[in-house]
PDB file of N, CA and C in Angstrom:
ATOM      1  N   MET A   1       0.835  -1.195   0.557  1.00  0.00           N
ATOM      2  CA  MET A   1      -0.538   0.281   0.239  1.00  0.00           C
ATOM      3  C   MET A   1       0.805   1.981   0.219  1.00  0.00           C
ATOM      4  N   THR A   2       1.372   2.163  -1.321  1.00  0.00           N
ATOM      5  CA  THR A   2       1.577   3.510  -1.678  1.00  0.00           C
ATOM      6  C   THR A   2       1.263   4.244  -1.328  1.00  0.00           C
ATOM      7  N   CYS A   3       1.857   5.429  -1.426  1.00  0.00           N
ATOM      8  CA  CYS A   3       1.016   6.709  -0.837  1.00  0.00           C
ATOM      9  C   CYS A   3       0.375   6.582  -2.086  1.00  0.00           C
ATOM     10  N   ASP A   4       0.766   6.058  -3.280  1.00  0.00           N
ATOM     11  CA  ASP A   4      -0.295   6.555  -5.176  1.00  0.00           C
ATOM     12  C   ASP A   4      -0.716   6.431  -4.840  1.00  0.00           C
ATOM     13  N   ASN A   5      -1.361   5.508  -3.798  1.00  0.00           N
ATOM     14  CA  ASN A   5      -2.663   4.117  -4.016  1.00  0.00           C
ATOM     15  C   ASN A   5      -3.618   4.636  -3.060  1.00  0.00           C
ATOM     16  N   GLU A   6      -2.563   5.848  -2.191  1.00  0.00           N
ATOM     17  CA  GLU A   6      -3.849   5.942  -1.135  1.00  0.00           C
ATOM     18  C   GLU A   6      -5.385   6.692  -1.578  1.00  0.00           C
ATOM     19  N   TRP A   7      -5.246   7.420  -2.926  1.00  0.00           N
ATOM     20  CA  TRP A   7      -5.907   7.916  -3.085  1.00  0.00           C
ATOM     21  C   TRP A   7      -7.857   6.950  -3.720  1.00  0.00           C
ATOM     22  N   ILE A   8      -7.125   5.550  -3.883  1.00  0.00           N
ATOM     23  CA  ILE A   8      -8.104   4.671  -4.070  1.00  0.00           C
ATOM     24  C   ILE A   8      -8.558   3.968  -2.769  1.00  0.00           C
ATOM     25  N   PHE A   9      -7.586   3.888  -1.698  1.00  0.00           N
ATOM     26  CA  PHE A   9      -8.575   3.292  -0.726  1.00  0.00           C
ATOM     27  C   PHE A   9      -9.742   5.042  -0.245  1.00  0.00           C
ATOM     28  N   LYS A  10      -8.851   5.395  -0.089  1.00  0.00           N
ATOM     29  CA  LYS A  10      -9.975   7.080   0.749  1.00  0.00           C
ATOM     30  C   LYS A  10     -11.006   6.969  -0.291  1.00  0.00           C
ATOM     31  N   THR A  11     -11.271   6.729  -1.246  1.00  0.00           N
ATOM     32  CA  THR A  11     -12.520   6.970  -2.348  1.00  0.00           C
ATOM     33  C   THR A  11     -13.161   4.817  -2.289  1.00  0.00           C
ATOM     34  N   ALA A  12     -12.652   4.308  -2.008  1.00  0.00           N
ATOM     35  CA  ALA A  12     -13.522   3.524  -1.511  1.00  0.00           C
ATOM     36  C   ALA A  12     -14.497   3.303  -0.061  1.00  0.00           C
ATOM     37  N   ASP A  13     -14.041   4.804   1.045  1.00  0.00           N
ATOM     38  CA  ASP A  13     -14.026   4.098   2.166  1.00  0.00           C
ATOM     39  C   ASP A  13     -15.649   5.504   1.615  1.00  0.00           C
ATOM     40  N   ARG A  14     -14.995   6.431   0.235  1.00  0.00           N
ATOM     41  CA  ARG A  14     -16.234   6.806   0.510  1.00  0.00           C
ATOM     42  C   ARG A  14     -17.003   6.944   0.596  1.00  0.00           C
ATOM     43  N   LEU A  15     -17.347   6.063  -1.005  1.00  0.00           N
ATOM     44  CA  LEU A  15     -18.429   5.029  -1.234  1.00  0.00           C
ATOM     45  C   LEU A  15     -19.203   3.787  -0.531  1.00  0.00           C
ATOM     46  N   CYS A  16     -18.202   3.428   0.989  1.00  0.00           N
ATOM     47  CA  CYS A  16     -18.634   2.585   1.499  1.00  0.00           C
ATOM     48  C   CYS A  16     -19.627   3.522   2.127  1.00  0.00           C
ATOM     49  N   ASP A  17     -18.266   4.541   3.059  1.00  0.00           N
ATOM     50  CA  ASP A  17     -19.879   5.250   3.155  1.00  0.00           C
ATOM     51  C   ASP A  17     -21.151   5.640   2.989  1.00  0.00           C
ATOM     52  N   LEU A  18     -21.665   6.428   1.743  1.00  0.00           N
ATOM     53  CA  LEU A  18     -21.441   6.172   0.846  1.00  0.00           C
ATOM     54  C   LEU A  18     -23.613   5.745   0.775  1.00  0.00           C
ATOM     55  N   TYR A  19     -23.277   4.115   0.885  1.00  0.00           N
ATOM     56  CA  TYR A  19     -23.953   3.075   0.984  1.00  0.00           C
ATOM     57  C   TYR A  19     -25.504   3.089   1.657  1.00  0.00           C
ATOM     58  N   ALA A  20     -24.641   3.788   3.334  1.00  0.00           N
ATOM     59  CA  ALA A  20     -25.197   3.368   4.924  1.00  0.00           C
ATOM     60  C   ALA A  20     -24.699   5.304   4.567  1.00  0.00           C
ATOM     61  N   GLN A  21     -25.651   5.965   3.918  1.00  0.00           N
ATOM     62  CA  GLN A  21     -26.650   7.465   4.215  1.00  0.00           C
ATOM     63  C   GLN A  21     -27.708   7.693   3.701  1.00  0.00           C
ATOM     64  N   GLU A  22     -28.479   8.179   4.270  1.00  0.00           N
ATOM     65  CA  GLU A  22     -29.710   8.126   3.483  1.00  0.00           C
ATOM     66  C   GLU A  22     -29.713   9.177   2.797  1.00  0.00           C
ATOM     67  N   PHE A  23     -30.602   8.332   1.402  1.00  0.00           N
ATOM     68  CA  PHE A  23     -30.035   9.734   0.337  1.00  0.00           C
ATOM     69  C   PHE A  23     -31.315   9.301  -0.592  1.00  0.00           C
ATOM     70  N   GLY A  24     -32.104   9.852  -1.774  1.00  0.00           N
ATOM     71  CA  GLY A  24     -32.735   9.591  -2.416  1.00  0.00           C
ATOM     72  C   GLY A  24     -34.180   8.406  -2.544  1.00  0.00           C
ATOM     73  N   GLY A  25     -34.060   8.860  -0.965  1.00  0.00           N
ATOM     74  CA  GLY A  25     -35.567   8.751   0.027  1.00  0.00           C
ATOM     75  C   GLY A  25     -35.889   6.878   0.277  1.00  0.00           C
ATOM     76  N   LYS A  26     -33.962   6.852   0.625  1.00  0.00           N
ATOM     77  CA  LYS A  26     -33.797   5.750   1.745  1.00  0.00           C
ATOM     78  C   LYS A  26     -32.832   6.079   2.619  1.00  0.00           C
ATOM     79  N   LYS A  27     -33.519   4.978   3.875  1.00  0.00           N
ATOM     80  CA  LYS A  27     -32.372   5.500   4.889  1.00  0.00           C
ATOM     81  C   LYS A  27     -30.906   4.877   4.194  1.00  0.00           C
ATOM     82  N   SER A  28     -31.029   4.067   3.248  1.00  0.00           N
ATOM     83  CA  SER A  28     -28.939   3.631   2.869  1.00  0.00           C
ATOM     84  C   SER A  28     -29.841   2.127   2.107  1.00  0.00           C
ATOM     85  N   GLY A  29     -28.822   1.763   1.454  1.00  0.00           N
ATOM     86  CA  GLY A  29     -28.228   0.484   0.469  1.00  0.00           C
ATOM     87  C   GLY A  29     -27.435   0.826  -1.066  1.00  0.00           C
ATOM     88  N   ARG A  30     -27.988  -0.032  -1.625  1.00  0.00           N
ATOM     89  CA  ARG A  30     -27.140   0.173  -3.253  1.00  0.00           C
ATOM     90  C   ARG A  30     -27.515   1.210  -3.628  1.00  0.00           C
ATOM     91  N   TYR A  31     -26.959   2.396  -4.667  1.00  0.00           N
ATOM     92  CA  TYR A  31     -26.576   2.982  -5.035  1.00  0.00           C
ATOM     93  C   TYR A  31     -26.358   3.211  -6.472  1.00  0.00           C
ATOM     94  N   ARG A  32     -26.716   3.932  -7.683  1.00  0.00           N
ATOM     95  CA  ARG A  32     -25.522   4.850  -8.401  1.00  0.00           C
ATOM     96  C   ARG A  32     -24.897   6.054  -8.423  1.00  0.00           C
ATOM     97  N   ILE A  33     -23.546   5.920  -9.045  1.00  0.00           N
ATOM     98  CA  ILE A  33     -23.211   7.362  -9.271  1.00  0.00           C
ATOM     99  C   ILE A  33     -22.270   7.162 -10.444  1.00  0.00           C
ATOM    100  N   PRO A  34     -23.322   8.327 -10.960  1.00  0.00           N
ATOM    101  CA  PRO A  34     -22.348   9.790 -12.417  1.00  0.00           C
ATOM    102  C   PRO A  34     -20.893   9.484 -12.075  1.00  0.00           C
ATOM    103  N   VAL A  35     -19.988   8.577 -13.375  1.00  0.00           N
ATOM    104  CA  VAL A  35     -18.743   9.086 -13.303  1.00  0.00           C
ATOM    105  C   VAL A  35     -17.977  10.174 -12.653  1.00  0.00           C
ATOM    106  N   LYS A  36     -18.735  11.335 -12.768  1.00  0.00           N
ATOM    107  CA  LYS A  36     -18.640  12.582 -13.234  1.00  0.00           C
ATOM    108  C   LYS A  36     -18.625  12.868 -12.060  1.00  0.00           C
ATOM    109  N   LEU A  37     -19.312  12.384 -11.343  1.00  0.00           N
ATOM    110  CA  LEU A  37     -19.398  12.278 -10.120  1.00  0.00           C
ATOM    111  C   LEU A  37     -18.486  11.717  -8.805  1.00  0.00           C
ATOM    112  N   LEU A  38     -17.952  10.088  -8.964  1.00  0.00           N
ATOM    113  CA  LEU A  38     -17.034   9.638  -9.239  1.00  0.00           C
ATOM    114  C   LEU A  38     -15.973  10.356  -9.563  1.00  0.00           C
ATOM    115  N   ARG A  39     -14.830  10.488 -10.115  1.00  0.00           N
ATOM    116  CA  ARG A  39     -13.861  11.071 -11.215  1.00  0.00           C
ATOM    117  C   ARG A  39     -13.964  12.628  -9.389  1.00  0.00           C
ATOM    118  N   GLU A  40     -15.248  13.376  -9.633  1.00  0.00           N
ATOM    119  CA  GLU A  40     -15.141  14.708  -8.197  1.00  0.00           C
ATOM    120  C   GLU A  40     -14.266  14.079  -6.643  1.00  0.00           C
ATOM    121  N   ILE A  41     -14.545  12.403  -6.788  1.00  0.00           N
ATOM    122  CA  ILE A  41     -14.333  11.783  -5.477  1.00  0.00           C
ATOM    123  C   ILE A  41     -13.163  11.459  -5.384  1.00  0.00           C
ATOM    124  N   THR A  42     -12.630  10.925  -6.347  1.00  0.00           N
ATOM    125  CA  THR A  42     -10.975  10.637  -6.465  1.00  0.00           C
ATOM    126  C   THR A  42     -10.181  12.025  -6.589  1.00  0.00           C
ATOM    127  N   GLY A  43     -10.492  13.471  -7.390  1.00  0.00           N
ATOM    128  CA  GLY A  43     -10.323  14.166  -7.225  1.00  0.00           C
ATOM    129  C   GLY A  43      -9.266  13.952  -8.922  1.00  0.00           C
ATOM    130  N   ARG A  44      -9.419  13.112  -9.237  1.00  0.00           N
ATOM    131  CA  ARG A  44      -8.904  13.285 -10.873  1.00  0.00           C
ATOM    132  C   ARG A  44      -9.616  13.288 -11.763  1.00  0.00           C
ATOM    133  N   ARG A  45      -9.152  13.636 -13.535  1.00  0.00           N
ATOM    134  CA  ARG A  45      -9.622  14.028 -14.366  1.00  0.00           C
ATOM    135  C   ARG A  45     -10.637  13.113 -15.536  1.00  0.00           C
ATOM    136  N   ARG A  46      -9.129  11.542 -14.968  1.00  0.00           N
ATOM    137  CA  ARG A  46      -9.667  10.586 -16.064  1.00  0.00           C
ATOM    138  C   ARG A  46      -9.286   9.811 -14.645  1.00  0.00           C
ATOM    139  N   LEU A  47     -10.159   8.421 -15.201  1.00  0.00           N
ATOM    140  CA  LEU A  47     -10.239   7.746 -14.230  1.00  0.00           C
ATOM    141  C   LEU A  47      -9.969   6.434 -16.325  1.00  0.00           C
ATOM    142  N   TYR A  48      -8.543   5.425 -15.101  1.00  0.00           N
ATOM    143  CA  TYR A  48      -8.679   4.589 -16.347  1.00  0.00           C
ATOM    144  C   TYR A  48      -9.372   3.156 -15.979  1.00  0.00           C
ATOM    145  N   GLU A  49      -9.321   1.999 -16.854  1.00  0.00           N
ATOM    146  CA  GLU A  49      -9.545   0.843 -16.129  1.00  0.00           C
ATOM    147  C   GLU A  49      -8.807   0.127 -15.054  1.00  0.00           C
ATOM    148  N   ASP A  50      -8.016   0.404 -15.734  1.00  0.00           N
ATOM    149  CA  ASP A  50      -6.899   0.386 -13.297  1.00  0.00           C
ATOM    150  C   ASP A  50      -7.265   0.102 -12.235  1.00  0.00           C
ATOM    151  N   ASP A  51      -7.322   2.157 -11.879  1.00  0.00           N
ATOM    152  CA  ASP A  51      -8.534   2.525 -11.442  1.00  0.00           C
ATOM    153  C   ASP A  51      -9.347   2.356 -11.119  1.00  0.00           C
ATOM    154  N   ILE A  52     -10.347   2.144 -11.519  1.00  0.00           N
ATOM    155  CA  ILE A  52     -11.860   1.422 -11.977  1.00  0.00           C
ATOM    156  C   ILE A  52     -11.658  -0.266 -11.311  1.00  0.00           C
ATOM    157  N   ARG A  53     -11.264  -0.831 -11.587  1.00  0.00           N
ATOM    158  CA  ARG A  53     -10.706  -3.269 -11.541  1.00  0.00           C
ATOM    159  C   ARG A  53      -9.917  -2.035  -9.826  1.00  0.00           C
ATOM    160  N   GLU A  54      -8.793  -1.408  -9.487  1.00  0.00           N
ATOM    161  CA  GLU A  54      -7.812  -0.999  -8.194  1.00  0.00           C
ATOM    162  C   GLU A  54      -9.196  -0.586  -7.167  1.00  0.00           C
ATOM    163  N   ILE A  55     -10.194  -0.403  -7.364  1.00  0.00           N
ATOM    164  CA  ILE A  55     -11.257   0.799  -6.435  1.00  0.00           C
ATOM    165  C   ILE A  55     -12.416  -0.393  -5.899  1.00  0.00           C
ATOM    166  N   GLY A  56     -12.396  -1.173  -7.552  1.00  0.00           N
ATOM    167  CA  GLY A  56     -13.870  -2.653  -6.998  1.00  0.00           C
ATOM    168  C   GLY A  56     -12.545  -3.385  -6.122  1.00  0.00           C
ATOM    169  N   ARG A  57     -11.004  -3.586  -5.917  1.00  0.00           N
ATOM    170  CA  ARG A  57     -10.943  -4.423  -4.988  1.00  0.00           C
ATOM    171  C   ARG A  57     -10.715  -3.856  -3.931  1.00  0.00           C
ATOM    172  N   ALA A  58     -10.435  -2.291  -4.037  1.00  0.00           N
ATOM    173  CA  ALA A  58     -10.410  -1.966  -2.507  1.00  0.00           C
ATOM    174  C   ALA A  58     -11.983  -1.772  -1.794  1.00  0.00           C
ATOM    175  N   VAL A  59     -13.261  -1.514  -2.962  1.00  0.00           N
ATOM    176  CA  VAL A  59     -14.520  -1.742  -2.383  1.00  0.00           C
ATOM    177  C   VAL A  59     -15.066  -3.171  -2.175  1.00  0.00           C
ATOM    178  N   ALA A  60     -14.489  -3.993  -2.696  1.00  0.00           N
ATOM    179  CA  ALA A  60     -14.768  -5.641  -2.934  1.00  0.00           C
ATOM    180  C   ALA A  60     -14.081  -6.248  -0.162  1.00  0.00           C
ATOM    181  N   GLU A  61     -13.154  -5.967  -0.695  1.00  0.00           N
ATOM    182  CA  GLU A  61     -12.206  -5.781   0.326  1.00  0.00           C
ATOM    183  C   GLU A  61     -13.601  -5.382   1.870  1.00  0.00           C
ATOM    184  N   ARG A  62     -14.239  -4.049   1.693  1.00  0.00           N
ATOM    185  CA  ARG A  62     -14.818  -3.699   2.336  1.00  0.00           C
ATOM    186  C   ARG A  62     -16.647  -4.403   2.332  1.00  0.00           C
ATOM    187  N   GLY A  63     -16.577  -5.060   2.027  1.00  0.00           N
ATOM    188  CA  GLY A  63     -17.968  -6.832   1.232  1.00  0.00           C
ATOM    189  C   GLY A  63     -18.590  -6.087   0.657  1.00  0.00           C
ATOM    190  N   PHE A  64     -18.231  -5.286  -0.103  1.00  0.00           N
ATOM    191  CA  PHE A  64     -19.125  -4.185  -1.229  1.00  0.00           C
ATOM    192  C   PHE A  64     -18.696  -4.734  -2.709  1.00  0.00           C
ATOM    193  N   VAL A  65     -19.356  -4.868  -3.965  1.00  0.00           N
ATOM    194  CA  VAL A  65     -19.345  -4.810  -4.924  1.00  0.00           C
ATOM    195  C   VAL A  65     -19.522  -3.062  -6.292  1.00  0.00           C
ATOM    196  N   LEU A  66     -18.775  -3.111  -6.691  1.00  0.00           N
ATOM    197  CA  LEU A  66     -18.652  -2.201  -7.521  1.00  0.00           C
ATOM    198  C   LEU A  66     -18.518  -2.223  -8.787  1.00  0.00           C
ATOM    199  N   ILE A  67     -19.995  -1.628  -9.526  1.00  0.00           N
ATOM    200  CA  ILE A  67     -20.846  -2.473 -11.156  1.00  0.00           C
ATOM    201  C   ILE A  67     -20.551  -1.374 -11.381  1.00  0.00           C
ATOM    202  N   ASP A  68     -19.973  -1.361 -12.844  1.00  0.00           N
ATOM    203  CA  ASP A  68     -19.673  -0.979 -14.572  1.00  0.00           C
ATOM    204  C   ASP A  68     -20.765  -0.582 -15.348  1.00  0.00           C
ATOM    205  N   MET A  69     -21.548   0.519 -14.691  1.00  0.00           N
ATOM    206  CA  MET A  69     -22.370   0.512 -16.353  1.00  0.00           C
ATOM    207  C   MET A  69     -22.242   1.893 -17.330  1.00  0.00           C
ATOM    208  N   ASP A  70     -20.854   1.841 -16.947  1.00  0.00           N
ATOM    209  CA  ASP A  70     -21.592   2.364 -18.456  1.00  0.00           C
ATOM    210  C   ASP A  70     -21.246   4.253 -18.014  1.00  0.00           C
ATOM    211  N   SER A  71     -22.149   4.538 -17.703  1.00  0.00           N
ATOM    212  CA  SER A  71     -22.239   5.929 -17.087  1.00  0.00           C
ATOM    213  C   SER A  71     -22.076   5.634 -16.860  1.00  0.00           C
ATOM    214  N   PHE A  72     -22.656   4.999 -15.253  1.00  0.00           N
ATOM    215  CA  PHE A  72     -22.769   5.304 -14.087  1.00  0.00           C
ATOM    216  C   PHE A  72     -21.680   3.550 -13.160  1.00  0.00           C
ATOM    217  N   TYR A  73     -22.129   3.829 -12.513  1.00  0.00           N
ATOM    218  CA  TYR A  73     -21.551   2.569 -11.324  1.00  0.00           C
ATOM    219  C   TYR A  73     -22.441   2.671 -10.471  1.00  0.00           C
ATOM    220  N   VAL A  74     -23.053   1.411  -9.845  1.00  0.00           N
ATOM    221  CA  VAL A  74     -23.325   1.228  -9.076  1.00  0.00           C
ATOM    222  C   VAL A  74     -22.562   0.351  -8.246  1.00  0.00           C
ATOM    223  N   ILE A  75     -23.217   0.564  -6.900  1.00  0.00           N
ATOM    224  CA  ILE A  75     -22.133   0.076  -5.035  1.00  0.00           C
ATOM    225  C   ILE A  75     -23.843  -0.598  -4.365  1.00  0.00           C
ATOM    226  N   MET A  76     -23.100  -2.105  -4.550  1.00  0.00           N
ATOM    227  CA  MET A  76     -24.192  -3.123  -3.353  1.00  0.00           C
ATOM    228  C   MET A  76     -23.339  -3.866  -2.328  1.00  0.00           C
ATOM    229  N   SER A  77     -23.853  -4.165  -2.028  1.00  0.00           N
ATOM    230  CA  SER A  77     -23.526  -4.886   0.097  1.00  0.00           C
ATOM    231  C   SER A  77     -23.258  -6.168  -1.460  1.00  0.00           C
ATOM    232  N   ALA A  78     -22.237  -6.708  -0.595  1.00  0.00           N
ATOM    233  CA  ALA A  78     -21.665  -8.183  -1.690  1.00  0.00           C
ATOM    234  C   ALA A  78     -22.776  -9.575  -0.626  1.00  0.00           C
ATOM    235  N   ASN A  79     -23.238  -9.436  -0.263  1.00  0.00           N
ATOM    236  CA  ASN A  79     -24.450 -10.178   1.201  1.00  0.00           C
ATOM    237  C   ASN A  79     -25.510 -10.312  -0.066  1.00  0.00           C
ATOM    238  N   THR A  80     -26.008  -9.179  -1.006  1.00  0.00           N
ATOM    239  CA  THR A  80     -27.391  -8.533  -2.074  1.00  0.00           C
ATOM    240  C   THR A  80     -26.802 -10.345  -2.476  1.00  0.00           C
ATOM    241  N   PHE A  81     -26.707 -11.057  -3.056  1.00  0.00           N
ATOM    242  CA  PHE A  81     -26.058 -11.639  -4.387  1.00  0.00           C
ATOM    243  C   PHE A  81     -25.661 -13.225  -3.276  1.00  0.00           C
ATOM    244  N   VAL A  82     -25.769 -12.920  -1.824  1.00  0.00           N
ATOM    245  CA  VAL A  82     -25.539 -14.605  -0.981  1.00  0.00           C
ATOM    246  C   VAL A  82     -26.717 -15.644  -1.552  1.00  0.00           C
ATOM    247  N   ASN A  83     -28.201 -15.387  -1.174  1.00  0.00           N
ATOM    248  CA  ASN A  83     -28.956 -15.745  -1.622  1.00  0.00           C
ATOM    249  C   ASN A  83     -29.709 -15.545  -3.105  1.00  0.00           C
ATOM    250  N   TYR A  84     -29.266 -15.848  -3.999  1.00  0.00           N
ATOM    251  CA  TYR A  84     -29.393 -16.401  -5.432  1.00  0.00           C
ATOM    252  C   TYR A  84     -29.562 -17.837  -5.701  1.00  0.00           C
ATOM    253  N   ARG A  85     -29.978 -18.271  -6.449  1.00  0.00           N
ATOM    254  CA  ARG A  85     -30.100 -19.481  -7.001  1.00  0.00           C
ATOM    255  C   ARG A  85     -29.299 -20.014  -7.327  1.00  0.00           C
ATOM    256  N   ARG A  86     -29.088 -21.208  -7.651  1.00  0.00           N
ATOM    257  CA  ARG A  86     -27.446 -21.140  -8.487  1.00  0.00           C
ATOM    258  C   ARG A  86     -27.376 -22.484  -8.947  1.00  0.00           C
ATOM    259  N   ALA A  87     -25.866 -22.742  -9.745  1.00  0.00           N
ATOM    260  CA  ALA A  87     -27.384 -23.072 -11.388  1.00  0.00           C
ATOM    261  C   ALA A  87     -25.939 -24.432 -10.982  1.00  0.00           C
ATOM    262  N   ASN A  88     -26.182 -25.069 -11.019  1.00  0.00           N
ATOM    263  CA  ASN A  88     -25.043 -25.536 -11.443  1.00  0.00           C
ATOM    264  C   ASN A  88     -25.091 -27.848 -12.804  1.00  0.00           C
ATOM    265  N   GLU A  89     -24.590 -28.717 -11.958  1.00  0.00           N
ATOM    266  CA  GLU A  89     -23.262 -29.215 -13.653  1.00  0.00           C
ATOM    267  C   GLU A  89     -24.668 -29.588 -14.124  1.00  0.00           C
ATOM    268  N   ASP A  90     -26.021 -29.936 -13.147  1.00  0.00           N
ATOM    269  CA  ASP A  90     -26.867 -31.000 -13.293  1.00  0.00           C
ATOM    270  C   ASP A  90     -28.189 -30.715 -14.425  1.00  0.00           C
ATOM    271  N   PHE A  91     -28.332 -28.738 -14.308  1.00  0.00           N
ATOM    272  CA  PHE A  91     -28.915 -28.327 -15.143  1.00  0.00           C
ATOM    273  C   PHE A  91     -28.678 -27.575 -15.407  1.00  0.00           C
ATOM    274  N   LEU A  92     -27.416 -27.813 -15.954  1.00  0.00           N
ATOM    275  CA  LEU A  92     -26.564 -26.691 -17.966  1.00  0.00           C
ATOM    276  C   LEU A  92     -27.245 -28.359 -18.186  1.00  0.00           C
TER     277      LEU A  92
END
């Protein structure tokens, strides 16, 4: 964890903190954030694939998932996926 990557960890912390805040008519939970606002949070003019991948990893370490939807990103709890039905070899 070098100083060069500190912005990644701060961004991940901020994204995860937003999950618990009340906005958009809900007390907490999943949300979407536009690319422009994510750049603002990071303090960077551009975000590259590697940047998004690193932010996604840092968010995952905190129990969340970052989903790239091209013009915005979605932040969800990783626990959301636990109860999804599972495809297995017999099904395929």
